[in-house]
Protein backbone atom coordinates (compact mmCIF):
# COMPACT_ATOMS: atom_id res chain seq x y z
CA MET A 1 0.06 0.09 0.03
CA CYS A 2 3.11 2.45 0.92
CA GLU A 3 3.60 2.85 -2.75
CA MET A 4 7.11 4.70 -3.65
CA ASN A 5 5.07 7.16 -6.10
CA PRO A 6 1.95 8.07 -3.47
CA THR A 7 -1.00 10.32 -5.32
CA PRO A 8 -2.09 13.59 -3.76
CA LEU A 9 -4.33 12.12 -1.47
CA GLU A 10 -2.11 9.34 -0.37
CA GLN A 11 0.39 11.28 0.87
CA THR A 12 -2.56 13.66 2.66
CA LEU A 13 -3.73 10.33 4.78
CA PHE A 14 -0.86 9.05 5.90
CA THR A 15 0.13 12.78 6.67
CA LEU A 16 -2.50 13.12 9.00
CA CYS A 17 -1.38 9.23 10.20
CA LYS A 18 1.75 10.84 10.93
CA VAL A 19 0.63 14.31 12.46
CA PHE A 20 -2.12 12.11 15.01
CA SER A 21 1.01 9.26 15.80
CA GLU A 22 3.65 12.42 16.40
CA HIS A 23 1.74 14.41 18.94
CA ALA A 24 -0.65 11.02 20.73
CA ALA A 25 3.62 9.99 21.70
CA ALA A 26 3.80 13.67 23.65
CA GLU A 27 2.42 12.17 26.75
CA GLY A 28 0.36 8.69 28.00
CA ASN A 29 -1.87 6.30 25.88
CA LYS A 30 0.02 6.53 22.36
CA GLU A 31 -3.02 5.83 21.10
CA THR A 32 -5.33 9.08 21.78
CA LEU A 33 -4.92 12.52 22.23
CA ASN A 34 -5.34 14.51 25.31
CA LYS A 35 -6.65 17.67 25.43
CA ASN A 36 -3.27 19.25 26.17
CA GLU A 37 -1.54 17.15 22.64
CA VAL A 38 -4.66 18.40 20.89
CA LYS A 39 -4.06 21.80 22.07
CA ASN A 40 -0.07 21.59 21.08
CA LEU A 41 -1.75 19.81 17.23
CA VAL A 42 -3.83 22.57 16.89
CA LYS A 43 -1.43 25.19 17.60
CA LYS A 44 1.24 23.39 15.43
CA GLU A 45 -0.35 22.46 12.49
CA LEU A 46 -3.22 23.92 12.61
CA PRO A 47 -2.05 28.10 13.47
CA GLN A 48 -4.65 30.15 11.24
CA LEU A 49 -7.30 27.64 12.96
CA PHE A 50 -6.02 28.48 16.16
CA LYS A 51 -6.25 31.89 16.60
CA ALA A 52 -9.26 32.17 14.45
CA ALA A 53 -10.13 29.85 18.21
CA GLN A 54 -8.07 31.77 20.38
CA GLU A 55 -10.84 34.79 19.29
CA ASP A 56 -14.64 32.67 19.44
CA PRO A 57 -15.29 31.89 22.77
CA GLU A 58 -16.40 28.17 20.61
CA GLY A 59 -13.33 27.65 19.52
CA GLU A 60 -12.37 25.07 21.62
CA THR A 61 -14.87 22.61 19.91
CA LEU A 62 -13.84 22.30 17.08
CA LEU A 63 -11.87 19.53 18.12
CA MET A 64 -13.11 18.04 20.97
CA ASP A 65 -13.59 14.63 22.25
CA PHE A 66 -16.97 13.53 20.74
CA ASP A 67 -18.04 10.06 23.99
CA GLY A 68 -16.79 12.13 26.52
CA ASP A 69 -13.44 9.87 27.82
CA GLY A 70 -11.12 13.15 28.51
CA GLU A 71 -9.69 12.01 24.88
CA MET A 72 -9.51 12.00 21.46
CA ASP A 73 -9.06 8.59 19.38
CA PHE A 74 -7.77 8.49 15.76
CA LYS A 75 -11.77 8.08 14.78
CA GLU A 76 -12.64 11.50 16.49
CA PHE A 77 -9.73 13.31 15.55
CA MET A 78 -10.73 11.70 11.35
CA VAL A 79 -14.51 13.09 12.09
CA ALA A 80 -13.37 16.45 13.98
CA LEU A 81 -11.30 17.33 10.60
CA SER A 82 -13.63 16.08 8.53
CA CYS A 83 -15.96 18.67 9.68
CA LEU A 84 -13.26 21.41 9.73
CA ALA A 85 -13.16 20.45 5.37
CA CYS A 86 -17.15 20.69 5.07
CA ILE A 87 -16.30 23.80 6.88
CA PHE A 88 -13.71 25.16 4.29
CA LYS A 89 -15.19 23.92 1.41
CA ALA A 90 -18.93 25.94 1.85
CA HIS A 91 -16.58 29.01 2.96
CA CYS A 92 -14.31 28.64 -0.65
CA PRO A 93 -15.14 30.84 -3.26
CA LYS A 94 -16.99 28.59 -5.61
CA LYS A 95 -15.61 28.83 -9.30
């Protein structure tokens, strides 16, 4: 599956897995992100979003723990990013 010459979408998927794993490995459980790891991920990987979230009192809910266990697993991470992608798509100018 890991070809020598991945397509842009394949590279994006590999990057998403890598980013999640790198940040999840920072503290505690390596299969989940805790609140501090989520904050650091957003601050580093999504700096414009982080800045906007600081200005919006509800901004912190953009990337959240959906099942209430205090951590974000990979499925929750992907759902949150999918929601963000839909928001960005809706706000992109139509060609």
